[in-house]
Amino acid sequence: MAKKICVDEGRAALDAVRAAAAASTRPSRTDQATAVRYLLQLLVEKAPGNSVEMRVPPFGAVQVIEGPRHTRGTPPNVVETDAETWIALATGAEHWTDAATAGRIHASGTRSNLSDLLPLRP
């Protein structure tokens, strides 16, 4: 992740995404991207490391959790989800097991269960 998102900017984007959901409309791409990246940033701060890659295409991907570093090709521990699911998981609006059971989380590898790290409570 390139630029660090300040708390005020991240929270404003999350508020805009929540307001759009409450109005049953789609959030702006900018708000959604900022919210996703802000929550990924919080995940990195909470669980720094390089053993799991968390992907939320097309907005971002980060490496987290202490452990063996992966440097080439597809990492052995990958979690991928869409923006809406990531925001719901990270904010506590949805539980990991519910999203996984519904097929909205694609996780592979022995370290790919992030349920103990969520929600982030931004």
C-alpha atoms as a PDB file:
ATOM      1  CA  MET A   1       0.000   0.000   0.000  1.00  0.00           C
ATOM      2  CA  ALA A   2       1.411   3.303  -1.047  1.00  0.00           C
ATOM      3  CA  LYS A   3      -0.075   6.266   0.805  1.00  0.00           C
ATOM      4  CA  LYS A   4      -1.124   6.064   4.442  1.00  0.00           C
ATOM      5  CA  ILE A   5      -4.754   7.049   4.919  1.00  0.00           C
ATOM      6  CA  CYS A   6      -5.351   9.353   7.872  1.00  0.00           C
ATOM      7  CA  VAL A   7      -7.959   8.363  10.461  1.00  0.00           C
ATOM      8  CA  ASP A   8     -10.356  11.185   9.555  1.00  0.00           C
ATOM      9  CA  GLU A   9     -10.256  10.321   5.850  1.00  0.00           C
ATOM     10  CA  GLY A  10     -10.718   6.605   6.551  1.00  0.00           C
ATOM     11  CA  ARG A  11     -13.632   7.133   8.910  1.00  0.00           C
ATOM     12  CA  ALA A  12     -15.302   9.582   6.508  1.00  0.00           C
ATOM     13  CA  ALA A  13     -15.093   6.981   3.730  1.00  0.00           C
ATOM     14  CA  LEU A  14     -16.532   4.295   6.027  1.00  0.00           C
ATOM     15  CA  ASP A  15     -19.369   6.632   7.027  1.00  0.00           C
ATOM     16  CA  ALA A  16     -20.122   7.328   3.346  1.00  0.00           C
ATOM     17  CA  VAL A  17     -20.157   3.593   2.550  1.00  0.00           C
ATOM     18  CA  ARG A  18     -22.473   2.897   5.496  1.00  0.00           C
ATOM     19  CA  ALA A  19     -24.784   5.763   4.489  1.00  0.00           C
ATOM     20  CA  ALA A  20     -24.999   4.407   0.941  1.00  0.00           C
ATOM     21  CA  ALA A  21     -25.834   0.937   2.274  1.00  0.00           C
ATOM     22  CA  ALA A  22     -28.519   2.371   4.556  1.00  0.00           C
ATOM     23  CA  ALA A  23     -30.038   4.158   1.545  1.00  0.00           C
ATOM     24  CA  SER A  24     -29.785   0.952  -0.545  1.00  0.00           C
ATOM     25  CA  THR A  25     -27.489   2.673  -3.037  1.00  0.00           C
ATOM     26  CA  ARG A  26     -23.963   1.939  -4.169  1.00  0.00           C
ATOM     27  CA  PRO A  27     -21.205   3.979  -2.548  1.00  0.00           C
ATOM     28  CA  SER A  28     -18.936   6.005  -4.770  1.00  0.00           C
ATOM     29  CA  ARG A  29     -15.949   4.068  -6.060  1.00  0.00           C
ATOM     30  CA  THR A  30     -13.650   6.561  -4.322  1.00  0.00           C
ATOM     31  CA  ASP A  31     -15.340   6.110  -0.944  1.00  0.00           C
ATOM     32  CA  GLN A  32     -15.374   2.343  -1.293  1.00  0.00           C
ATOM     33  CA  ALA A  33     -11.704   2.223  -2.339  1.00  0.00           C
ATOM     34  CA  THR A  34     -10.645   4.484   0.509  1.00  0.00           C
ATOM     35  CA  ALA A  35     -12.656   2.483   3.059  1.00  0.00           C
ATOM     36  CA  VAL A  36     -11.160  -0.812   1.847  1.00  0.00           C
ATOM     37  CA  ARG A  37      -7.605   0.533   1.867  1.00  0.00           C
ATOM     38  CA  TYR A  38      -8.056   2.127   5.283  1.00  0.00           C
ATOM     39  CA  LEU A  39      -9.291  -1.163   6.748  1.00  0.00           C
ATOM     40  CA  LEU A  40      -6.415  -3.062   5.106  1.00  0.00           C
ATOM     41  CA  GLN A  41      -4.055  -0.521   6.651  1.00  0.00           C
ATOM     42  CA  LEU A  42      -5.588  -1.193  10.085  1.00  0.00           C
ATOM     43  CA  LEU A  43      -5.158  -4.940   9.531  1.00  0.00           C
ATOM     44  CA  VAL A  44      -1.464  -4.445   8.772  1.00  0.00           C
ATOM     45  CA  GLU A  45      -1.079  -2.370  11.936  1.00  0.00           C
ATOM     46  CA  LYS A  46      -2.850  -5.038  14.003  1.00  0.00           C
ATOM     47  CA  ALA A  47      -1.059  -8.070  12.513  1.00  0.00           C
ATOM     48  CA  PRO A  48       2.195  -7.070  10.808  1.00  0.00           C
ATOM     49  CA  GLY A  49       4.045  -9.757   8.916  1.00  0.00           C
ATOM     50  CA  ASN A  50       4.428 -11.460   5.578  1.00  0.00           C
ATOM     51  CA  SER A  51       2.934 -14.937   5.827  1.00  0.00           C
ATOM     52  CA  VAL A  52      -0.627 -14.238   4.582  1.00  0.00           C
ATOM     53  CA  GLU A  53      -1.721 -12.135   1.643  1.00  0.00           C
ATOM     54  CA  MET A  54      -5.087 -10.416   2.075  1.00  0.00           C
ATOM     55  CA  ARG A  55      -6.597  -9.362  -1.258  1.00  0.00           C
ATOM     56  CA  VAL A  56      -9.591  -7.136  -1.932  1.00  0.00           C
ATOM     57  CA  PRO A  57      -9.584  -6.650  -5.698  1.00  0.00           C
ATOM     58  CA  PRO A  58      -9.429  -4.227  -7.350  1.00  0.00           C
ATOM     59  CA  PHE A  59      -8.643  -1.960  -4.405  1.00  0.00           C
ATOM     60  CA  GLY A  60      -5.735  -3.488  -2.556  1.00  0.00           C
ATOM     61  CA  ALA A  61      -3.685  -6.330  -1.192  1.00  0.00           C
ATOM     62  CA  VAL A  62      -1.462  -6.497   1.868  1.00  0.00           C
ATOM     63  CA  GLN A  63       0.714  -9.036   3.585  1.00  0.00           C
ATOM     64  CA  VAL A  64       0.039  -9.703   7.251  1.00  0.00           C
ATOM     65  CA  ILE A  65       0.737 -12.081  10.157  1.00  0.00           C
ATOM     66  CA  GLU A  66       4.164 -13.042  11.427  1.00  0.00           C
ATOM     67  CA  GLY A  67       5.644 -16.172   9.946  1.00  0.00           C
ATOM     68  CA  PRO A  68       7.570 -17.421   6.953  1.00  0.00           C
ATOM     69  CA  ARG A  69       8.109 -14.703   4.364  1.00  0.00           C
ATOM     70  CA  HIS A  70       6.949 -15.402   0.829  1.00  0.00           C
ATOM     71  CA  THR A  71       8.678 -13.531  -1.998  1.00  0.00           C
ATOM     72  CA  ARG A  72       7.871 -15.129  -5.382  1.00  0.00           C
ATOM     73  CA  GLY A  73       4.758 -16.387  -7.124  1.00  0.00           C
ATOM     74  CA  THR A  74       1.444 -17.028  -5.432  1.00  0.00           C
ATOM     75  CA  PRO A  75       1.806 -17.085  -1.649  1.00  0.00           C
ATOM     76  CA  PRO A  76       0.788 -20.307   0.138  1.00  0.00           C
ATOM     77  CA  ASN A  77      -1.615 -18.400   2.419  1.00  0.00           C
ATOM     78  CA  VAL A  78      -4.093 -16.196   0.578  1.00  0.00           C
ATOM     79  CA  VAL A  79      -7.402 -14.643   1.568  1.00  0.00           C
ATOM     80  CA  GLU A  80      -9.504 -12.900  -1.053  1.00  0.00           C
ATOM     81  CA  THR A  81     -12.898 -11.272  -0.840  1.00  0.00           C
ATOM     82  CA  ASP A  82     -14.906  -8.486  -2.441  1.00  0.00           C
ATOM     83  CA  ALA A  83     -15.011  -4.942  -1.083  1.00  0.00           C
ATOM     84  CA  GLU A  84     -18.462  -5.185   0.482  1.00  0.00           C
ATOM     85  CA  THR A  85     -17.610  -8.374   2.352  1.00  0.00           C
ATOM     86  CA  TRP A  86     -14.249  -7.017   3.522  1.00  0.00           C
ATOM     87  CA  ILE A  87     -15.853  -3.868   4.918  1.00  0.00           C
ATOM     88  CA  ALA A  88     -18.530  -5.925   6.669  1.00  0.00           C
ATOM     89  CA  LEU A  89     -15.967  -8.311   8.177  1.00  0.00           C
ATOM     90  CA  ALA A  90     -13.562  -5.594   9.256  1.00  0.00           C
ATOM     91  CA  THR A  91     -16.255  -3.501  10.908  1.00  0.00           C
ATOM     92  CA  GLY A  92     -18.047  -6.383  12.609  1.00  0.00           C
ATOM     93  CA  ALA A  93     -21.200  -6.164  10.513  1.00  0.00           C
ATOM     94  CA  GLU A  94     -20.626  -9.779   9.436  1.00  0.00           C
ATOM     95  CA  HIS A  95     -18.853 -12.751  11.001  1.00  0.00           C
ATOM     96  CA  TRP A  96     -16.032 -14.604   9.266  1.00  0.00           C
ATOM     97  CA  THR A  97     -17.780 -17.988   9.463  1.00  0.00           C
ATOM     98  CA  ASP A  98     -20.974 -16.618   7.903  1.00  0.00           C
ATOM     99  CA  ALA A  99     -19.122 -15.034   4.981  1.00  0.00           C
ATOM    100  CA  ALA A 100     -16.968 -18.131   4.488  1.00  0.00           C
ATOM    101  CA  THR A 101     -19.999 -20.437   4.555  1.00  0.00           C
ATOM    102  CA  ALA A 102     -21.724 -18.208   1.999  1.00  0.00           C
ATOM    103  CA  GLY A 103     -18.664 -18.467  -0.277  1.00  0.00           C
ATOM    104  CA  ARG A 104     -17.749 -14.787  -0.097  1.00  0.00           C
ATOM    105  CA  ILE A 105     -14.275 -15.517   1.313  1.00  0.00           C
ATOM    106  CA  HIS A 106     -11.767 -17.512  -0.690  1.00  0.00           C
ATOM    107  CA  ALA A 107      -9.028 -18.669   1.655  1.00  0.00           C
ATOM    108  CA  SER A 108      -6.179 -21.092   1.119  1.00  0.00           C
ATOM    109  CA  GLY A 109      -3.324 -22.151   3.340  1.00  0.00           C
ATOM    110  CA  THR A 110      -2.963 -23.114   6.964  1.00  0.00           C
ATOM    111  CA  ARG A 111      -2.742 -19.494   8.170  1.00  0.00           C
ATOM    112  CA  SER A 112      -5.596 -18.081   6.114  1.00  0.00           C
ATOM    113  CA  ASN A 113      -8.288 -17.915   8.805  1.00  0.00           C
ATOM    114  CA  LEU A 114      -8.298 -14.278   9.949  1.00  0.00           C
ATOM    115  CA  SER A 115     -11.330 -14.580  12.232  1.00  0.00           C
ATOM    116  CA  ASP A 116      -9.261 -13.956  15.377  1.00  0.00           C
ATOM    117  CA  LEU A 117      -8.170 -10.571  13.980  1.00  0.00           C
ATOM    118  CA  LEU A 118     -11.630  -9.324  13.058  1.00  0.00           C
ATOM    119  CA  PRO A 119     -13.446  -7.089  13.555  1.00  0.00           C
ATOM    120  CA  LEU A 120     -10.913  -4.275  13.481  1.00  0.00           C
ATOM    121  CA  ARG A 121     -13.225  -1.744  15.172  1.00  0.00           C
ATOM    122  CA  PRO A 122     -12.035   1.340  13.303  1.00  0.00           C
END
